[in-house]
Amino acid sequence: MLLLVRRGTSEPAIGDLAERLRMAGLSAHRTDHEGQARLAAVGDVASLDLEAVRAWPGVESVRRIETPFKLVSRAFQPHDTVISVGRCAIGSRQLALMAGPCSVEGEEQTFTIAAAVAKAGATVMRGGAYKPRTSPYSFQGLGEQGLRILRRAADAHGLAVVSEVLDPQQVEQVARYADILQVGARNMQNFSLLREVGRTHKPVLLKRGMAATVEEWLMSAEHVASQGNTQVILCERGIRTFETSTRSTLDLNAIPIVKELSHLPVVVDPSHGTGRRDMVAPMARAAIAAGADGLLVEVHHDPERALSDGPQSLYPAQFEELVRQIRTIAEVLGRMV
């Protein structure tokens, strides 16, 4: 249920409306649009007398939010969410370029890649310290040591940090080092993890599950938002189909669909979406042309020796050329890098 508050209503009066909703057993979430406060009442609203609610002081109108995802919907917040992280405002005219290795392998490797992606124009460094691998015998990441290295390398080159968290018990630790907490595709419906990252009030990059519908993806974002954290960045990273020529099928249809349904920013991961170095650049260009707010790209200075995802990692020179191409596309669309 959505309450539109009359313009000019005092802050104490708006707070009183929110308290009335909480006393009715509902959670109350506020956003402001064009100078008007909007309160979303989430929970079992069946017991509420809507006519009585409409008569509350300061209420202009009451509407139902028809979609199952309430707080991340355009009905609740018509304007785009913009998330400021370091030198980047994700969801604004500025495109977010997040780049780095799949895994933090050591200090020399991480500092080398940080220097290269920063020089090319990235504003956020990606890197995994905890790695969810298909095989239990594959490299699982350096853990907290990797997070320390990643933070130092990013700071040395003026970059923010995005890194994946796998377990609710890891959230506090990863949040000490990362500016953005990444929830991977395998954990998109790990609801305990979603609620925990929602409580941190740090930006969350939520990857789409390998077989998830757009609605399921948005419902996962709703779990984060329900904890009071609407700083969610949606990441399309490809879905599993019958096609075997690529690692995944990058679903660029999802970008305009999600933009219509939700106010959250959307970035695209063409590295996992294709699994092929030769396809990363063309799909990245297509993603920006389709309206994505940024890219998440794997870059490695020696991908043949990478401990994970070498075949889909760009060389630094390739990433630099991609940024030049993206800059041209951005200008046509009225955006910037």
C-alpha atoms as a PDB file:
ATOM      1  CA  MET A   1       0.000   0.000   0.000  1.00  0.00           C
ATOM      2  CA  LEU A   2       1.283   3.475  -0.908  1.00  0.00           C
ATOM      3  CA  LEU A   3       0.358   6.635   0.969  1.00  0.00           C
ATOM      4  CA  LEU A   4       0.903   9.914  -0.877  1.00  0.00           C
ATOM      5  CA  VAL A   5       1.386  12.654   1.693  1.00  0.00           C
ATOM      6  CA  ARG A   6       0.056  16.137   1.032  1.00  0.00           C
ATOM      7  CA  ARG A   7       2.750  18.626   0.063  1.00  0.00           C
ATOM      8  CA  GLY A   8       3.574  20.955   2.912  1.00  0.00           C
ATOM      9  CA  THR A   9       2.901  18.371   5.617  1.00  0.00           C
ATOM     10  CA  SER A  10       5.389  18.819   8.451  1.00  0.00           C
ATOM     11  CA  GLU A  11       8.078  16.247   9.204  1.00  0.00           C
ATOM     12  CA  PRO A  12       6.578  15.420  12.623  1.00  0.00           C
ATOM     13  CA  ALA A  13       3.220  14.770  10.942  1.00  0.00           C
ATOM     14  CA  ILE A  14       4.868  12.484   8.366  1.00  0.00           C
ATOM     15  CA  GLY A  15       6.585  10.673  11.210  1.00  0.00           C
ATOM     16  CA  ASP A  16       3.220  10.266  12.916  1.00  0.00           C
ATOM     17  CA  LEU A  17       1.784   8.637   9.770  1.00  0.00           C
ATOM     18  CA  ALA A  18       4.704   6.206   9.666  1.00  0.00           C
ATOM     19  CA  GLU A  19       4.176   5.375  13.330  1.00  0.00           C
ATOM     20  CA  ARG A  20       0.470   4.697  12.722  1.00  0.00           C
ATOM     21  CA  LEU A  21       1.441   2.203  10.041  1.00  0.00           C
ATOM     22  CA  ARG A  22       3.922   0.486  12.340  1.00  0.00           C
ATOM     23  CA  MET A  23       1.295   0.263  15.088  1.00  0.00           C
ATOM     24  CA  ALA A  24      -0.894  -1.556  12.573  1.00  0.00           C
ATOM     25  CA  GLY A  25       1.832  -4.187  12.264  1.00  0.00           C
ATOM     26  CA  LEU A  26       3.263  -2.877   8.979  1.00  0.00           C
ATOM     27  CA  SER A  27       6.736  -1.696   8.058  1.00  0.00           C
ATOM     28  CA  ALA A  28       6.862   1.864   6.770  1.00  0.00           C
ATOM     29  CA  HIS A  29       9.334   2.945   4.097  1.00  0.00           C
ATOM     30  CA  ARG A  30       9.680   6.496   2.841  1.00  0.00           C
ATOM     31  CA  THR A  31      10.813   8.062  -0.411  1.00  0.00           C
ATOM     32  CA  ASP A  32      10.348  11.581  -1.767  1.00  0.00           C
ATOM     33  CA  HIS A  33       9.416  12.429  -5.342  1.00  0.00           C
ATOM     34  CA  GLU A  34       9.049  15.949  -6.749  1.00  0.00           C
ATOM     35  CA  GLY A  35       8.676  17.433  -3.289  1.00  0.00           C
ATOM     36  CA  GLN A  36       6.109  14.906  -2.092  1.00  0.00           C
ATOM     37  CA  ALA A  37       6.683  12.300   0.611  1.00  0.00           C
ATOM     38  CA  ARG A  38       5.547   8.762  -0.228  1.00  0.00           C
ATOM     39  CA  LEU A  39       5.122   6.040   2.415  1.00  0.00           C
ATOM     40  CA  ALA A  40       5.023   2.390   1.446  1.00  0.00           C
ATOM     41  CA  ALA A  41       3.242   0.210   3.997  1.00  0.00           C
ATOM     42  CA  VAL A  42       4.481  -3.355   3.618  1.00  0.00           C
ATOM     43  CA  GLY A  43       2.886  -6.351   5.289  1.00  0.00           C
ATOM     44  CA  ASP A  44      -0.634  -7.674   5.781  1.00  0.00           C
ATOM     45  CA  VAL A  45      -2.766  -4.644   4.911  1.00  0.00           C
ATOM     46  CA  ALA A  46      -6.007  -6.628   4.745  1.00  0.00           C
ATOM     47  CA  SER A  47      -6.952  -5.634   8.290  1.00  0.00           C
ATOM     48  CA  LEU A  48      -6.634  -1.921   7.539  1.00  0.00           C
ATOM     49  CA  ASP A  49      -9.708   0.150   6.714  1.00  0.00           C
ATOM     50  CA  LEU A  50      -8.490   2.016   3.637  1.00  0.00           C
ATOM     51  CA  GLU A  51     -11.193   4.651   3.937  1.00  0.00           C
ATOM     52  CA  ALA A  52     -10.077   5.347   7.477  1.00  0.00           C
ATOM     53  CA  VAL A  53      -6.464   5.607   6.320  1.00  0.00           C
ATOM     54  CA  ARG A  54      -7.464   8.100   3.635  1.00  0.00           C
ATOM     55  CA  ALA A  55      -8.934  10.263   6.391  1.00  0.00           C
ATOM     56  CA  TRP A  56      -5.695  10.375   8.401  1.00  0.00           C
ATOM     57  CA  PRO A  57      -4.285  13.925   8.707  1.00  0.00           C
ATOM     58  CA  GLY A  58      -1.850  14.681   5.894  1.00  0.00           C
ATOM     59  CA  VAL A  59      -2.860  11.789   3.607  1.00  0.00           C
ATOM     60  CA  GLU A  60      -3.614  12.911   0.054  1.00  0.00           C
ATOM     61  CA  SER A  61      -4.394   9.504  -1.404  1.00  0.00           C
ATOM     62  CA  VAL A  62      -3.892   5.784  -0.866  1.00  0.00           C
ATOM     63  CA  ARG A  63      -2.985   3.317  -3.601  1.00  0.00           C
ATOM     64  CA  ARG A  64      -2.188  -0.348  -3.816  1.00  0.00           C
ATOM     65  CA  ILE A  65       1.192  -1.390  -5.193  1.00  0.00           C
ATOM     66  CA  GLU A  66       0.175  -4.187  -7.508  1.00  0.00           C
ATOM     67  CA  THR A  67       3.598  -5.734  -8.141  1.00  0.00           C
ATOM     68  CA  PRO A  68       4.897  -8.320  -5.650  1.00  0.00           C
ATOM     69  CA  PHE A  69       8.143  -6.317  -5.384  1.00  0.00           C
ATOM     70  CA  LYS A  70       7.062  -3.155  -3.598  1.00  0.00           C
ATOM     71  CA  LEU A  71      10.051  -1.080  -2.501  1.00  0.00           C
ATOM     72  CA  VAL A  72      12.131  -1.573  -5.656  1.00  0.00           C
ATOM     73  CA  SER A  73       9.198  -0.769  -7.945  1.00  0.00           C
ATOM     74  CA  ARG A  74       8.538   2.375  -9.950  1.00  0.00           C
ATOM     75  CA  ALA A  75       5.182   2.609  -8.188  1.00  0.00           C
ATOM     76  CA  PHE A  76       6.962   3.327  -4.906  1.00  0.00           C
ATOM     77  CA  GLN A  77       9.740   5.490  -6.363  1.00  0.00           C
ATOM     78  CA  PRO A  78       9.182   6.872  -9.870  1.00  0.00           C
ATOM     79  CA  HIS A  79      12.631   8.467 -10.183  1.00  0.00           C
ATOM     80  CA  ASP A  80      15.901   6.589 -10.695  1.00  0.00           C
ATOM     81  CA  THR A  81      17.983   5.632  -7.691  1.00  0.00           C
ATOM     82  CA  VAL A  82      21.524   7.031  -7.858  1.00  0.00           C
ATOM     83  CA  ILE A  83      24.146   5.368  -5.666  1.00  0.00           C
ATOM     84  CA  SER A  84      27.305   7.339  -4.923  1.00  0.00           C
ATOM     85  CA  VAL A  85      30.412   5.219  -4.442  1.00  0.00           C
ATOM     86  CA  GLY A  86      33.805   6.887  -4.441  1.00  0.00           C
ATOM     87  CA  ARG A  87      34.139   8.947  -7.625  1.00  0.00           C
ATOM     88  CA  CYS A  88      31.141   7.291  -9.272  1.00  0.00           C
ATOM     89  CA  ALA A  89      27.399   7.988  -9.123  1.00  0.00           C
ATOM     90  CA  ILE A  90      25.843   4.723 -10.306  1.00  0.00           C
ATOM     91  CA  GLY A  91      22.511   5.266 -12.039  1.00  0.00           C
ATOM     92  CA  SER A  92      23.319   8.838 -13.070  1.00  0.00           C
ATOM     93  CA  ARG A  93      24.500  10.107 -16.470  1.00  0.00           C
ATOM     94  CA  GLN A  94      27.934   8.814 -15.500  1.00  0.00           C
ATOM     95  CA  LEU A  95      28.567   5.207 -16.502  1.00  0.00           C
ATOM     96  CA  ALA A  96      30.107   2.996 -13.826  1.00  0.00           C
ATOM     97  CA  LEU A  97      33.149   1.035 -14.991  1.00  0.00           C
ATOM     98  CA  MET A  98      34.030  -1.760 -12.573  1.00  0.00           C
ATOM     99  CA  ALA A  99      37.062  -3.796 -13.563  1.00  0.00           C
ATOM    100  CA  GLY A 100      39.664  -6.108 -12.104  1.00  0.00           C
ATOM    101  CA  PRO A 101      40.613  -9.758 -11.710  1.00  0.00           C
ATOM    102  CA  CYS A 102      38.193 -12.555 -11.033  1.00  0.00           C
ATOM    103  CA  SER A 103      40.320 -13.520  -8.029  1.00  0.00           C
ATOM    104  CA  VAL A 104      42.847 -11.678  -5.912  1.00  0.00           C
ATOM    105  CA  GLU A 105      45.907 -13.900  -6.327  1.00  0.00           C
ATOM    106  CA  GLY A 106      48.582 -11.805  -4.630  1.00  0.00           C
ATOM    107  CA  GLU A 107      49.898  -8.310  -4.052  1.00  0.00           C
ATOM    108  CA  GLU A 108      51.911  -7.855  -7.262  1.00  0.00           C
ATOM    109  CA  GLN A 109      49.067  -9.116  -9.468  1.00  0.00           C
ATOM    110  CA  THR A 110      46.426  -6.942  -7.782  1.00  0.00           C
ATOM    111  CA  PHE A 111      48.474  -3.731  -7.756  1.00  0.00           C
ATOM    112  CA  THR A 112      49.444  -4.236 -11.422  1.00  0.00           C
ATOM    113  CA  ILE A 113      45.822  -4.646 -12.503  1.00  0.00           C
ATOM    114  CA  ALA A 114      44.617  -1.775 -10.290  1.00  0.00           C
ATOM    115  CA  ALA A 115      47.071   0.580 -11.986  1.00  0.00           C
ATOM    116  CA  ALA A 116      45.984  -0.577 -15.450  1.00  0.00           C
ATOM    117  CA  VAL A 117      42.209  -0.294 -14.949  1.00  0.00           C
ATOM    118  CA  ALA A 118      42.500   3.072 -13.175  1.00  0.00           C
ATOM    119  CA  LYS A 119      44.591   4.446 -16.031  1.00  0.00           C
ATOM    120  CA  ALA A 120      41.980   3.244 -18.535  1.00  0.00           C
ATOM    121  CA  GLY A 121      39.122   5.010 -16.725  1.00  0.00           C
ATOM    122  CA  ALA A 122      37.618   2.540 -14.238  1.00  0.00           C
ATOM    123  CA  THR A 123      36.269   4.000 -11.001  1.00  0.00           C
ATOM    124  CA  VAL A 124      35.581   0.738  -9.130  1.00  0.00           C
ATOM    125  CA  MET A 125      37.894  -2.258  -8.782  1.00  0.00           C
ATOM    126  CA  ARG A 126      36.386  -5.697  -8.685  1.00  0.00           C
ATOM    127  CA  GLY A 127      38.168  -8.666  -7.177  1.00  0.00           C
ATOM    128  CA  GLY A 128      37.192 -11.865  -5.412  1.00  0.00           C
ATOM    129  CA  ALA A 129      38.658 -12.828  -2.044  1.00  0.00           C
ATOM    130  CA  TYR A 130      36.099 -15.581  -1.441  1.00  0.00           C
ATOM    131  CA  LYS A 131      35.375 -17.591  -4.572  1.00  0.00           C
ATOM    132  CA  PRO A 132      32.350 -19.865  -5.123  1.00  0.00           C
ATOM    133  CA  ARG A 133      33.790 -22.522  -7.420  1.00  0.00           C
ATOM    134  CA  THR A 134      32.051 -25.428  -9.105  1.00  0.00           C
ATOM    135  CA  SER A 135      34.880 -27.749  -8.054  1.00  0.00           C
ATOM    136  CA  PRO A 136      35.877 -27.968  -4.391  1.00  0.00           C
ATOM    137  CA  TYR A 137      39.466 -28.475  -5.590  1.00  0.00           C
ATOM    138  CA  SER A 138      39.693 -25.184  -7.487  1.00  0.00           C
ATOM    139  CA  PHE A 139      41.234 -22.037  -6.009  1.00  0.00           C
ATOM    140  CA  GLN A 140      38.840 -20.738  -3.341  1.00  0.00           C
ATOM    141  CA  GLY A 141      40.365 -17.297  -2.785  1.00  0.00           C
ATOM    142  CA  LEU A 142      42.702 -15.727  -0.203  1.00  0.00           C
ATOM    143  CA  GLY A 143      39.979 -14.689   2.236  1.00  0.00           C
ATOM    144  CA  GLU A 144      40.679 -11.711   4.475  1.00  0.00           C
ATOM    145  CA  GLN A 145      44.266 -11.484   3.234  1.00  0.00           C
ATOM    146  CA  GLY A 146      42.866 -10.979  -0.270  1.00  0.00           C
ATOM    147  CA  LEU A 147      40.490  -8.283   0.969  1.00  0.00           C
ATOM    148  CA  ARG A 148      43.387  -6.388   2.552  1.00  0.00           C
ATOM    149  CA  ILE A 149      45.391  -6.537  -0.663  1.00  0.00           C
ATOM    150  CA  LEU A 150      42.409  -5.459  -2.736  1.00  0.00           C
ATOM    151  CA  ARG A 151      41.708  -2.486  -0.464  1.00  0.00           C
ATOM    152  CA  ARG A 152      45.324  -1.292  -0.525  1.00  0.00           C
ATOM    153  CA  ALA A 153      45.584  -1.619  -4.305  1.00  0.00           C
ATOM    154  CA  ALA A 154      42.320   0.238  -4.877  1.00  0.00           C
ATOM    155  CA  ASP A 155      43.242   3.019  -2.452  1.00  0.00           C
ATOM    156  CA  ALA A 156      46.615   3.470  -4.148  1.00  0.00           C
ATOM    157  CA  HIS A 157      44.840   4.313  -7.402  1.00  0.00           C
ATOM    158  CA  GLY A 158      41.726   6.146  -6.182  1.00  0.00           C
ATOM    159  CA  LEU A 159      39.312   3.271  -6.829  1.00  0.00           C
ATOM    160  CA  ALA A 160      36.316   2.019  -4.865  1.00  0.00           C
ATOM    161  CA  VAL A 161      36.042  -1.731  -4.185  1.00  0.00           C
ATOM    162  CA  VAL A 162      33.392  -4.319  -5.003  1.00  0.00           C
ATOM    163  CA  SER A 163      33.882  -7.849  -3.686  1.00  0.00           C
ATOM    164  CA  GLU A 164      31.693 -10.887  -3.246  1.00  0.00           C
ATOM    165  CA  VAL A 165      30.345 -12.176   0.047  1.00  0.00           C
ATOM    166  CA  LEU A 166      29.214 -15.810   0.190  1.00  0.00           C
ATOM    167  CA  ASP A 167      27.855 -16.289   3.671  1.00  0.00           C
ATOM    168  CA  PRO A 168      25.944 -14.192   6.218  1.00  0.00           C
ATOM    169  CA  GLN A 169      28.815 -14.715   8.669  1.00  0.00           C
ATOM    170  CA  GLN A 170      31.249 -13.066   6.226  1.00  0.00           C
ATOM    171  CA  VAL A 171      29.232  -9.876   5.742  1.00  0.00           C
ATOM    172  CA  GLU A 172      30.735  -7.860   8.596  1.00  0.00           C
ATOM    173  CA  GLN A 173      34.273  -8.744   7.533  1.00  0.00           C
ATOM    174  CA  VAL A 174      33.818  -8.030   3.820  1.00  0.00           C
ATOM    175  CA  ALA A 175      32.008  -4.773   4.635  1.00  0.00           C
ATOM    176  CA  ARG A 176      35.119  -3.535   6.463  1.00  0.00           C
ATOM    177  CA  TYR A 177      37.080  -3.593   3.200  1.00  0.00           C
ATOM    178  CA  ALA A 178      34.586  -3.295   0.338  1.00  0.00           C
ATOM    179  CA  ASP A 179      32.529  -0.259  -0.686  1.00  0.00           C
ATOM    180  CA  ILE A 180      30.022  -2.492  -2.519  1.00  0.00           C
ATOM    181  CA  LEU A 181      28.992  -5.960  -1.367  1.00  0.00           C
ATOM    182  CA  GLN A 182      28.459  -8.354  -4.260  1.00  0.00           C
ATOM    183  CA  VAL A 183      25.925 -11.161  -4.001  1.00  0.00           C
ATOM    184  CA  GLY A 184      26.711 -13.660  -6.737  1.00  0.00           C
ATOM    185  CA  ALA A 185      24.388 -15.510  -9.078  1.00  0.00           C
ATOM    186  CA  ARG A 186      24.508 -18.690  -7.003  1.00  0.00           C
ATOM    187  CA  ASN A 187      23.392 -16.761  -3.929  1.00  0.00           C
ATOM    188  CA  MET A 188      20.664 -14.643  -5.523  1.00  0.00           C
ATOM    189  CA  GLN A 189      18.037 -16.524  -3.517  1.00  0.00           C
ATOM    190  CA  ASN A 190      20.076 -17.005  -0.364  1.00  0.00           C
ATOM    191  CA  PHE A 191      17.539 -15.026   1.641  1.00  0.00           C
ATOM    192  CA  SER A 192      19.513 -15.054   4.893  1.00  0.00           C
ATOM    193  CA  LEU A 193      22.450 -13.488   3.062  1.00  0.00           C
ATOM    194  CA  LEU A 194      20.201 -10.944   1.333  1.00  0.00           C
ATOM    195  CA  ARG A 195      18.710  -9.815   4.626  1.00  0.00           C
ATOM    196  CA  GLU A 196      22.146  -9.564   6.221  1.00  0.00           C
ATOM    197  CA  VAL A 197      23.624  -7.372   3.481  1.00  0.00           C
ATOM    198  CA  GLY A 198      20.435  -5.295   3.668  1.00  0.00           C
ATOM    199  CA  ARG A 199      21.216  -4.509   7.303  1.00  0.00           C
ATOM    200  CA  THR A 200      24.675  -3.120   6.505  1.00  0.00           C
ATOM    201  CA  HIS A 201      23.302  -0.145   4.551  1.00  0.00           C
ATOM    202  CA  LYS A 202      26.218  -0.501   2.159  1.00  0.00           C
ATOM    203  CA  PRO A 203      25.530  -0.645  -1.593  1.00  0.00           C
ATOM    204  CA  VAL A 204      24.798  -4.181  -2.778  1.00  0.00           C
ATOM    205  CA  LEU A 205      25.536  -5.484  -6.263  1.00  0.00           C
ATOM    206  CA  LEU A 206      22.990  -8.256  -6.859  1.00  0.00           C
ATOM    207  CA  LYS A 207      23.726 -10.610  -9.723  1.00  0.00           C
ATOM    208  CA  ARG A 208      20.888 -12.351 -11.513  1.00  0.00           C
ATOM    209  CA  GLY A 209      20.667 -16.083 -10.899  1.00  0.00           C
ATOM    210  CA  MET A 210      21.544 -18.405 -13.749  1.00  0.00           C
ATOM    211  CA  ALA A 211      17.942 -19.538 -14.185  1.00  0.00           C
ATOM    212  CA  ALA A 212      16.097 -16.635 -12.558  1.00  0.00           C
ATOM    213  CA  THR A 213      13.263 -14.694 -14.117  1.00  0.00           C
ATOM    214  CA  VAL A 214      13.303 -10.895 -13.955  1.00  0.00           C
ATOM    215  CA  GLU A 215      10.560 -10.999 -11.322  1.00  0.00           C
ATOM    216  CA  GLU A 216      12.522 -13.445  -9.140  1.00  0.00           C
ATOM    217  CA  TRP A 217      15.571 -11.198  -9.480  1.00  0.00           C
ATOM    218  CA  LEU A 218      13.582  -8.144  -8.381  1.00  0.00           C
ATOM    219  CA  MET A 219      12.053 -10.092  -5.504  1.00  0.00           C
ATOM    220  CA  SER A 220      15.589 -10.859  -4.294  1.00  0.00           C
ATOM    221  CA  ALA A 221      16.344  -7.138  -4.429  1.00  0.00           C
ATOM    222  CA  GLU A 222      13.148  -6.633  -2.385  1.00  0.00           C
ATOM    223  CA  HIS A 223      14.607  -8.814   0.381  1.00  0.00           C
ATOM    224  CA  VAL A 224      17.552  -6.403   0.641  1.00  0.00           C
ATOM    225  CA  ALA A 225      15.309  -3.323   0.467  1.00  0.00           C
ATOM    226  CA  SER A 226      12.951  -4.703   3.117  1.00  0.00           C
ATOM    227  CA  GLN A 227      15.778  -4.289   5.641  1.00  0.00           C
ATOM    228  CA  GLY A 228      15.911  -0.571   4.887  1.00  0.00           C
ATOM    229  CA  ASN A 229      18.647  -0.658   2.256  1.00  0.00           C
ATOM    230  CA  THR A 230      17.501   0.417  -1.223  1.00  0.00           C
ATOM    231  CA  GLN A 231      21.080   0.908  -2.441  1.00  0.00           C
ATOM    232  CA  VAL A 232      20.878  -2.118  -4.724  1.00  0.00           C
ATOM    233  CA  ILE A 233      22.662  -2.357  -8.065  1.00  0.00           C
ATOM    234  CA  LEU A 234      21.215  -5.065 -10.299  1.00  0.00           C
ATOM    235  CA  CYS A 235      23.726  -6.989 -12.416  1.00  0.00           C
ATOM    236  CA  GLU A 236      22.756  -8.979 -15.515  1.00  0.00           C
ATOM    237  CA  ARG A 237      25.405 -11.688 -15.982  1.00  0.00           C
ATOM    238  CA  GLY A 238      23.782 -14.124 -18.364  1.00  0.00           C
ATOM    239  CA  ILE A 239      21.303 -16.946 -17.923  1.00  0.00           C
ATOM    240  CA  ARG A 240      21.544 -20.645 -18.675  1.00  0.00           C
ATOM    241  CA  THR A 241      19.898 -21.736 -21.931  1.00  0.00           C
ATOM    242  CA  PHE A 242      20.353 -24.607 -24.380  1.00  0.00           C
ATOM    243  CA  GLU A 243      23.151 -22.684 -26.158  1.00  0.00           C
ATOM    244  CA  THR A 244      26.639 -24.135 -25.614  1.00  0.00           C
ATOM    245  CA  SER A 245      28.821 -21.826 -27.726  1.00  0.00           C
ATOM    246  CA  THR A 246      29.023 -19.363 -24.821  1.00  0.00           C
ATOM    247  CA  ARG A 247      29.278 -19.794 -21.078  1.00  0.00           C
ATOM    248  CA  SER A 248      25.862 -18.147 -20.613  1.00  0.00           C
ATOM    249  CA  THR A 249      23.294 -16.320 -22.721  1.00  0.00           C
ATOM    250  CA  LEU A 250      23.627 -12.618 -21.927  1.00  0.00           C
ATOM    251  CA  ASP A 251      20.038 -11.371 -21.654  1.00  0.00           C
ATOM    252  CA  LEU A 252      20.203  -7.749 -22.782  1.00  0.00           C
ATOM    253  CA  ASN A 253      16.385  -7.731 -22.975  1.00  0.00           C
ATOM    254  CA  ALA A 254      16.474  -7.542 -19.199  1.00  0.00           C
ATOM    255  CA  ILE A 255      17.944  -4.027 -19.191  1.00  0.00           C
ATOM    256  CA  PRO A 256      14.948  -2.116 -20.611  1.00  0.00           C
ATOM    257  CA  ILE A 257      12.501  -4.453 -18.872  1.00  0.00           C
ATOM    258  CA  VAL A 258      14.033  -3.826 -15.451  1.00  0.00           C
ATOM    259  CA  LYS A 259      14.352  -0.102 -16.166  1.00  0.00           C
ATOM    260  CA  GLU A 260      10.607   0.010 -16.766  1.00  0.00           C
ATOM    261  CA  LEU A 261       9.715  -1.982 -13.653  1.00  0.00           C
ATOM    262  CA  SER A 262      12.253  -0.701 -11.143  1.00  0.00           C
ATOM    263  CA  HIS A 263      14.091   2.450 -10.097  1.00  0.00           C
ATOM    264  CA  LEU A 264      17.301   0.533  -9.353  1.00  0.00           C
ATOM    265  CA  PRO A 265      20.423   0.949 -11.524  1.00  0.00           C
ATOM    266  CA  VAL A 266      21.443  -1.930 -13.797  1.00  0.00           C
ATOM    267  CA  VAL A 267      24.965  -2.940 -14.771  1.00  0.00           C
ATOM    268  CA  VAL A 268      26.055  -5.775 -17.050  1.00  0.00           C
ATOM    269  CA  ASP A 269      28.800  -8.383 -16.642  1.00  0.00           C
ATOM    270  CA  PRO A 270      29.786  -9.408 -20.197  1.00  0.00           C
ATOM    271  CA  SER A 271      32.679 -11.515 -18.896  1.00  0.00           C
ATOM    272  CA  HIS A 272      30.503 -14.102 -17.142  1.00  0.00           C
ATOM    273  CA  GLY A 273      27.738 -13.480 -19.652  1.00  0.00           C
ATOM    274  CA  THR A 274      29.858 -14.875 -22.495  1.00  0.00           C
ATOM    275  CA  GLY A 275      32.850 -16.661 -20.979  1.00  0.00           C
ATOM    276  CA  ARG A 276      34.858 -15.661 -24.045  1.00  0.00           C
ATOM    277  CA  ARG A 277      37.421 -12.884 -24.260  1.00  0.00           C
ATOM    278  CA  ASP A 278      36.595 -12.177 -27.918  1.00  0.00           C
ATOM    279  CA  MET A 279      32.935 -11.530 -27.075  1.00  0.00           C
ATOM    280  CA  VAL A 280      33.320  -9.306 -24.023  1.00  0.00           C
ATOM    281  CA  ALA A 281      33.819  -6.040 -25.929  1.00  0.00           C
ATOM    282  CA  PRO A 282      30.932  -6.411 -28.425  1.00  0.00           C
ATOM    283  CA  MET A 283      28.477  -7.417 -25.700  1.00  0.00           C
ATOM    284  CA  ALA A 284      29.711  -4.604 -23.452  1.00  0.00           C
ATOM    285  CA  ARG A 285      29.088  -2.095 -26.246  1.00  0.00           C
ATOM    286  CA  ALA A 286      25.625  -3.551 -26.811  1.00  0.00           C
ATOM    287  CA  ALA A 287      24.828  -3.356 -23.092  1.00  0.00           C
ATOM    288  CA  ILE A 288      25.605   0.351 -22.926  1.00  0.00           C
ATOM    289  CA  ALA A 289      23.598   0.980 -26.088  1.00  0.00           C
ATOM    290  CA  ALA A 290      20.652  -0.878 -24.494  1.00  0.00           C
ATOM    291  CA  GLY A 291      20.690   1.454 -21.473  1.00  0.00           C
ATOM    292  CA  ALA A 292      22.917  -0.203 -18.885  1.00  0.00           C
ATOM    293  CA  ASP A 293      24.281   2.078 -16.174  1.00  0.00           C
ATOM    294  CA  GLY A 294      27.692   0.450 -16.202  1.00  0.00           C
ATOM    295  CA  LEU A 295      29.840  -2.622 -16.731  1.00  0.00           C
ATOM    296  CA  LEU A 296      31.533  -5.234 -14.559  1.00  0.00           C
ATOM    297  CA  VAL A 297      34.523  -6.533 -16.539  1.00  0.00           C
ATOM    298  CA  GLU A 298      37.254  -9.014 -15.686  1.00  0.00           C
ATOM    299  CA  VAL A 299      40.767  -7.791 -16.492  1.00  0.00           C
ATOM    300  CA  HIS A 300      44.043  -9.649 -15.945  1.00  0.00           C
ATOM    301  CA  HIS A 301      47.589  -8.773 -17.029  1.00  0.00           C
ATOM    302  CA  ASP A 302      48.445 -12.463 -17.543  1.00  0.00           C
ATOM    303  CA  PRO A 303      45.151 -14.309 -18.097  1.00  0.00           C
ATOM    304  CA  GLU A 304      46.826 -17.517 -19.301  1.00  0.00           C
ATOM    305  CA  ARG A 305      48.134 -17.941 -15.758  1.00  0.00           C
ATOM    306  CA  ALA A 306      45.058 -16.656 -13.931  1.00  0.00           C
ATOM    307  CA  LEU A 307      43.823 -18.897 -11.132  1.00  0.00           C
ATOM    308  CA  SER A 308      40.211 -18.404 -12.249  1.00  0.00           C
ATOM    309  CA  ASP A 309      38.339 -17.222 -15.362  1.00  0.00           C
ATOM    310  CA  GLY A 310      41.419 -16.494 -17.477  1.00  0.00           C
ATOM    311  CA  PRO A 311      39.699 -17.257 -20.832  1.00  0.00           C
ATOM    312  CA  GLN A 312      37.128 -14.480 -20.283  1.00  0.00           C
ATOM    313  CA  SER A 313      39.497 -11.857 -18.864  1.00  0.00           C
ATOM    314  CA  LEU A 314      40.573  -8.919 -21.019  1.00  0.00           C
ATOM    315  CA  TYR A 315      44.191  -7.836 -21.279  1.00  0.00           C
ATOM    316  CA  PRO A 316      44.713  -4.295 -19.958  1.00  0.00           C
ATOM    317  CA  ALA A 317      45.204  -2.949 -23.496  1.00  0.00           C
ATOM    318  CA  GLN A 318      41.899  -4.525 -24.573  1.00  0.00           C
ATOM    319  CA  PHE A 319      40.105  -2.949 -21.624  1.00  0.00           C
ATOM    320  CA  GLU A 320      41.617   0.437 -22.437  1.00  0.00           C
ATOM    321  CA  GLU A 321      40.343   0.157 -26.013  1.00  0.00           C
ATOM    322  CA  LEU A 322      36.898  -0.914 -24.760  1.00  0.00           C
ATOM    323  CA  VAL A 323      36.688   2.179 -22.543  1.00  0.00           C
ATOM    324  CA  ARG A 324      37.469   4.370 -25.563  1.00  0.00           C
ATOM    325  CA  GLN A 325      34.634   2.700 -27.473  1.00  0.00           C
ATOM    326  CA  ILE A 326      32.240   3.005 -24.540  1.00  0.00           C
ATOM    327  CA  ARG A 327      33.062   6.693 -24.232  1.00  0.00           C
ATOM    328  CA  THR A 328      31.970   7.223 -27.857  1.00  0.00           C
ATOM    329  CA  ILE A 329      28.693   5.364 -27.332  1.00  0.00           C
ATOM    330  CA  ALA A 330      28.064   7.259 -24.100  1.00  0.00           C
ATOM    331  CA  GLU A 331      28.364  10.619 -25.837  1.00  0.00           C
ATOM    332  CA  VAL A 332      25.713   9.621 -28.371  1.00  0.00           C
ATOM    333  CA  LEU A 333      23.349   8.674 -25.540  1.00  0.00           C
ATOM    334  CA  GLY A 334      23.992  11.836 -23.546  1.00  0.00           C
ATOM    335  CA  ARG A 335      26.019   9.992 -20.925  1.00  0.00           C
ATOM    336  CA  MET A 336      29.675  10.089 -19.916  1.00  0.00           C
ATOM    337  CA  VAL A 337      32.491   7.885 -18.656  1.00  0.00           C
END
